[in-house]
Each structure stands twice: as structure tokens, then as C-alpha cells.
Amino acid sequence: MDREAQAAIADLQFVIARILWAPHCDRERAMLLAELAGQRHPDPVRRVAIAQWMAVRQTPPLDELVVEVLREELAAQSRDTNGT
């Protein structure tokens, strides 16, 4: 595969990764595609950009639902501890 085709495929993989990163999508697959794009891209500048995108997203923020569940659990524990 020539360099131009390789770059086009890697760019497309990275675009799909960014789309999959959206809330309620497949973030695990997004990271895998981004990693693959970063490994295959022939342009070192693009590889750095992909690596930076991935680094920012290595620790995903807590989903709102998870936060709500944690709040409910803490409130229940607090009630149990206070005897109310």
C-alpha cells in the first residue's frame, strides 16, 4: 500500500474514532481505532496529534448516571450511619 493510501485509511480510522467517542457510543472501540490509526499513519505530525487526542481521553469523565448512582449510595450510607 502506498503512503497516500495508508494516510487516507489512518485518517478515516481516526475520524471514526472521534465519532465513536461521543457520549453513549463505543469509547473502547474509539480508542482501539485511534491507536491503530496512530500506529499506521505515515506522517509523524499526525501520529503526535492522534497520540495527544488519546492522552486527553485516557481517563474518561464519569458518566452522569454513574455520578447519580454514587450520590444515591453515599446518601444511603450517610442515612445508615446517622440512624435516620
N, C-alpha and C. Protein backbone atom coordinates (compact mmCIF):
# COMPACT_ATOMS: atom_id res chain seq x y z
N MET A 1 0.86 -1.17 0.00
CA MET A 1 0.00 0.00 0.00
C MET A 1 0.90 1.24 0.00
N ASP A 2 0.57 2.20 -0.85
CA ASP A 2 1.40 3.39 -0.92
C ASP A 2 1.12 4.32 0.26
N ARG A 3 2.02 5.26 0.45
CA ARG A 3 1.96 6.18 1.59
C ARG A 3 0.66 6.98 1.62
N GLU A 4 0.20 7.44 0.48
CA GLU A 4 -1.02 8.25 0.41
C GLU A 4 -2.25 7.44 0.82
N ALA A 5 -2.33 6.22 0.35
CA ALA A 5 -3.46 5.35 0.72
C ALA A 5 -3.40 5.01 2.20
N GLN A 6 -2.21 4.75 2.70
CA GLN A 6 -2.04 4.44 4.12
C GLN A 6 -2.48 5.62 4.98
N ALA A 7 -2.12 6.83 4.57
CA ALA A 7 -2.51 8.03 5.31
C ALA A 7 -4.02 8.22 5.28
N ALA A 8 -4.63 7.98 4.12
CA ALA A 8 -6.08 8.13 4.00
C ALA A 8 -6.82 7.15 4.89
N ILE A 9 -6.36 5.93 4.95
CA ILE A 9 -7.01 4.92 5.80
C ILE A 9 -6.84 5.29 7.28
N ALA A 10 -5.64 5.70 7.65
CA ALA A 10 -5.40 6.08 9.04
C ALA A 10 -6.24 7.30 9.42
N ASP A 11 -6.35 8.27 8.51
CA ASP A 11 -7.19 9.45 8.79
C ASP A 11 -8.65 9.05 8.98
N LEU A 12 -9.13 8.16 8.14
CA LEU A 12 -10.51 7.69 8.26
C LEU A 12 -10.73 6.95 9.57
N GLN A 13 -9.78 6.13 9.97
CA GLN A 13 -9.89 5.43 11.26
C GLN A 13 -9.97 6.43 12.40
N PHE A 14 -9.19 7.49 12.32
CA PHE A 14 -9.19 8.49 13.37
C PHE A 14 -10.50 9.27 13.40
N VAL A 15 -11.05 9.57 12.23
CA VAL A 15 -12.36 10.24 12.17
C VAL A 15 -13.43 9.37 12.83
N ILE A 16 -13.43 8.08 12.51
CA ILE A 16 -14.40 7.17 13.10
C ILE A 16 -14.19 7.09 14.61
N ALA A 17 -12.95 7.07 15.05
CA ALA A 17 -12.65 7.03 16.49
C ALA A 17 -13.25 8.23 17.19
N ARG A 18 -13.11 9.41 16.60
CA ARG A 18 -13.65 10.63 17.23
C ARG A 18 -15.17 10.58 17.27
N ILE A 19 -15.79 10.02 16.25
CA ILE A 19 -17.25 9.89 16.25
C ILE A 19 -17.69 8.92 17.34
N LEU A 20 -17.00 7.81 17.45
CA LEU A 20 -17.36 6.80 18.46
C LEU A 20 -17.13 7.29 19.88
N TRP A 21 -16.31 8.32 20.05
CA TRP A 21 -16.02 8.83 21.39
C TRP A 21 -17.22 9.57 21.98
N ALA A 22 -18.14 9.99 21.17
CA ALA A 22 -19.30 10.75 21.64
C ALA A 22 -20.01 9.99 22.77
N PRO A 23 -20.68 10.72 23.65
CA PRO A 23 -21.40 10.05 24.74
C PRO A 23 -22.36 8.99 24.19
N HIS A 24 -22.46 7.91 24.92
CA HIS A 24 -23.36 6.80 24.61
C HIS A 24 -22.94 6.06 23.34
N CYS A 25 -21.69 6.18 22.96
CA CYS A 25 -21.18 5.41 21.83
C CYS A 25 -20.16 4.41 22.35
N ASP A 26 -19.33 3.90 21.50
CA ASP A 26 -18.40 2.83 21.85
C ASP A 26 -17.00 3.40 22.06
N ARG A 27 -16.74 3.86 23.26
CA ARG A 27 -15.46 4.53 23.54
C ARG A 27 -14.29 3.55 23.51
N GLU A 28 -14.53 2.30 23.88
CA GLU A 28 -13.45 1.32 23.83
C GLU A 28 -13.00 1.12 22.38
N ARG A 29 -13.95 0.99 21.48
CA ARG A 29 -13.62 0.84 20.07
C ARG A 29 -12.98 2.11 19.53
N ALA A 30 -13.42 3.26 20.01
CA ALA A 30 -12.83 4.53 19.59
C ALA A 30 -11.34 4.55 19.91
N MET A 31 -10.99 4.13 21.11
CA MET A 31 -9.58 4.14 21.50
C MET A 31 -8.78 3.13 20.67
N LEU A 32 -9.38 1.98 20.39
CA LEU A 32 -8.68 0.98 19.59
C LEU A 32 -8.43 1.50 18.17
N LEU A 33 -9.44 2.13 17.58
CA LEU A 33 -9.26 2.69 16.23
C LEU A 33 -8.23 3.81 16.22
N ALA A 34 -8.28 4.66 17.23
CA ALA A 34 -7.30 5.75 17.30
C ALA A 34 -5.89 5.19 17.45
N GLU A 35 -5.75 4.17 18.26
CA GLU A 35 -4.43 3.55 18.44
C GLU A 35 -3.94 2.96 17.12
N LEU A 36 -4.82 2.27 16.43
CA LEU A 36 -4.47 1.69 15.14
C LEU A 36 -4.09 2.78 14.14
N ALA A 37 -4.86 3.86 14.10
CA ALA A 37 -4.56 4.97 13.20
C ALA A 37 -3.20 5.57 13.54
N GLY A 38 -2.92 5.73 14.81
CA GLY A 38 -1.64 6.29 15.23
C GLY A 38 -0.46 5.41 14.86
N GLN A 39 -0.67 4.10 14.92
CA GLN A 39 0.41 3.17 14.56
C GLN A 39 0.65 3.15 13.05
N ARG A 40 -0.42 3.31 12.28
CA ARG A 40 -0.31 3.15 10.83
C ARG A 40 -0.04 4.44 10.06
N HIS A 41 -0.30 5.58 10.67
CA HIS A 41 -0.18 6.82 9.91
C HIS A 41 1.28 7.09 9.57
N PRO A 42 1.57 7.36 8.30
CA PRO A 42 2.96 7.59 7.92
C PRO A 42 3.48 8.98 8.30
N ASP A 43 2.59 9.91 8.62
CA ASP A 43 3.00 11.28 8.95
C ASP A 43 3.23 11.41 10.45
N PRO A 44 4.46 11.70 10.87
CA PRO A 44 4.74 11.80 12.31
C PRO A 44 3.95 12.91 13.00
N VAL A 45 3.63 13.98 12.30
CA VAL A 45 2.84 15.06 12.90
C VAL A 45 1.44 14.56 13.22
N ARG A 46 0.84 13.80 12.30
CA ARG A 46 -0.50 13.24 12.54
C ARG A 46 -0.45 12.21 13.67
N ARG A 47 0.63 11.42 13.74
CA ARG A 47 0.77 10.44 14.83
C ARG A 47 0.79 11.13 16.18
N VAL A 48 1.48 12.26 16.26
CA VAL A 48 1.51 13.03 17.51
C VAL A 48 0.13 13.57 17.84
N ALA A 49 -0.58 14.10 16.85
CA ALA A 49 -1.93 14.63 17.08
C ALA A 49 -2.87 13.54 17.59
N ILE A 50 -2.76 12.36 17.01
CA ILE A 50 -3.60 11.23 17.44
C ILE A 50 -3.22 10.83 18.86
N ALA A 51 -1.94 10.76 19.15
CA ALA A 51 -1.49 10.40 20.50
C ALA A 51 -1.97 11.42 21.53
N GLN A 52 -1.95 12.69 21.17
CA GLN A 52 -2.43 13.72 22.09
C GLN A 52 -3.93 13.58 22.33
N TRP A 53 -4.68 13.31 21.28
CA TRP A 53 -6.13 13.11 21.41
C TRP A 53 -6.41 11.94 22.37
N MET A 54 -5.64 10.87 22.19
CA MET A 54 -5.83 9.70 23.05
C MET A 54 -5.43 10.00 24.49
N ALA A 55 -4.36 10.73 24.69
CA ALA A 55 -3.88 11.02 26.04
C ALA A 55 -4.92 11.79 26.84
N VAL A 56 -5.58 12.72 26.20
CA VAL A 56 -6.61 13.53 26.88
C VAL A 56 -7.78 12.64 27.30
N ARG A 57 -8.01 11.57 26.56
CA ARG A 57 -9.18 10.74 26.80
C ARG A 57 -8.88 9.44 27.55
N GLN A 58 -7.67 9.26 28.02
CA GLN A 58 -7.31 8.04 28.74
C GLN A 58 -8.13 7.86 30.01
N THR A 59 -8.47 8.96 30.66
CA THR A 59 -9.27 8.90 31.87
C THR A 59 -10.61 9.57 31.55
N PRO A 60 -11.56 8.78 31.07
CA PRO A 60 -12.83 9.40 30.68
C PRO A 60 -13.59 9.95 31.89
N PRO A 61 -14.30 11.04 31.71
CA PRO A 61 -15.08 11.59 32.82
C PRO A 61 -16.21 10.64 33.20
N LEU A 62 -16.61 10.72 34.44
CA LEU A 62 -17.70 9.88 34.89
C LEU A 62 -18.99 10.24 34.19
N ASP A 63 -19.69 9.25 33.77
CA ASP A 63 -20.99 9.46 33.14
C ASP A 63 -21.96 10.01 34.18
N GLU A 64 -22.90 10.82 33.75
CA GLU A 64 -23.86 11.42 34.68
C GLU A 64 -24.62 10.37 35.48
N LEU A 65 -24.96 9.26 34.84
CA LEU A 65 -25.69 8.20 35.53
C LEU A 65 -24.83 7.61 36.65
N VAL A 66 -23.56 7.40 36.38
CA VAL A 66 -22.66 6.86 37.40
C VAL A 66 -22.57 7.82 38.57
N VAL A 67 -22.46 9.10 38.29
CA VAL A 67 -22.39 10.10 39.34
C VAL A 67 -23.66 10.06 40.19
N GLU A 68 -24.82 9.95 39.55
CA GLU A 68 -26.09 9.90 40.29
C GLU A 68 -26.17 8.66 41.17
N VAL A 69 -25.74 7.53 40.66
CA VAL A 69 -25.74 6.29 41.46
C VAL A 69 -24.82 6.44 42.66
N LEU A 70 -23.64 7.02 42.45
CA LEU A 70 -22.71 7.22 43.57
C LEU A 70 -23.31 8.15 44.62
N ARG A 71 -23.97 9.20 44.17
CA ARG A 71 -24.61 10.12 45.12
C ARG A 71 -25.67 9.40 45.95
N GLU A 72 -26.47 8.58 45.29
CA GLU A 72 -27.52 7.84 46.00
C GLU A 72 -26.91 6.87 47.01
N GLU A 73 -25.84 6.20 46.63
CA GLU A 73 -25.18 5.27 47.55
C GLU A 73 -24.59 6.01 48.75
N LEU A 74 -23.96 7.14 48.50
CA LEU A 74 -23.41 7.92 49.61
C LEU A 74 -24.51 8.45 50.53
N ALA A 75 -25.61 8.88 49.95
CA ALA A 75 -26.73 9.36 50.76
C ALA A 75 -27.28 8.22 51.62
N ALA A 76 -27.41 7.03 51.06
CA ALA A 76 -27.91 5.88 51.81
C ALA A 76 -26.95 5.51 52.93
N GLN A 77 -25.66 5.53 52.65
CA GLN A 77 -24.67 5.24 53.69
C GLN A 77 -24.73 6.27 54.80
N SER A 78 -24.89 7.52 54.43
CA SER A 78 -24.99 8.59 55.41
C SER A 78 -26.21 8.41 56.31
N ARG A 79 -27.34 8.03 55.69
CA ARG A 79 -28.56 7.79 56.47
C ARG A 79 -28.35 6.63 57.43
N ASP A 80 -27.70 5.56 56.96
CA ASP A 80 -27.45 4.38 57.79
C ASP A 80 -26.54 4.73 58.96
N THR A 81 -25.52 5.55 58.69
CA THR A 81 -24.56 5.94 59.72
C THR A 81 -25.22 6.85 60.76
N ASN A 82 -26.09 7.73 60.30
CA ASN A 82 -26.75 8.68 61.21
C ASN A 82 -27.98 8.08 61.86
N GLY A 83 -28.38 6.87 61.48
CA GLY A 83 -29.53 6.23 62.09
C GLY A 83 -30.85 6.83 61.69
N THR A 84 -30.90 7.48 60.55
CA THR A 84 -32.18 8.06 60.11
C THR A 84 -32.78 7.27 58.99
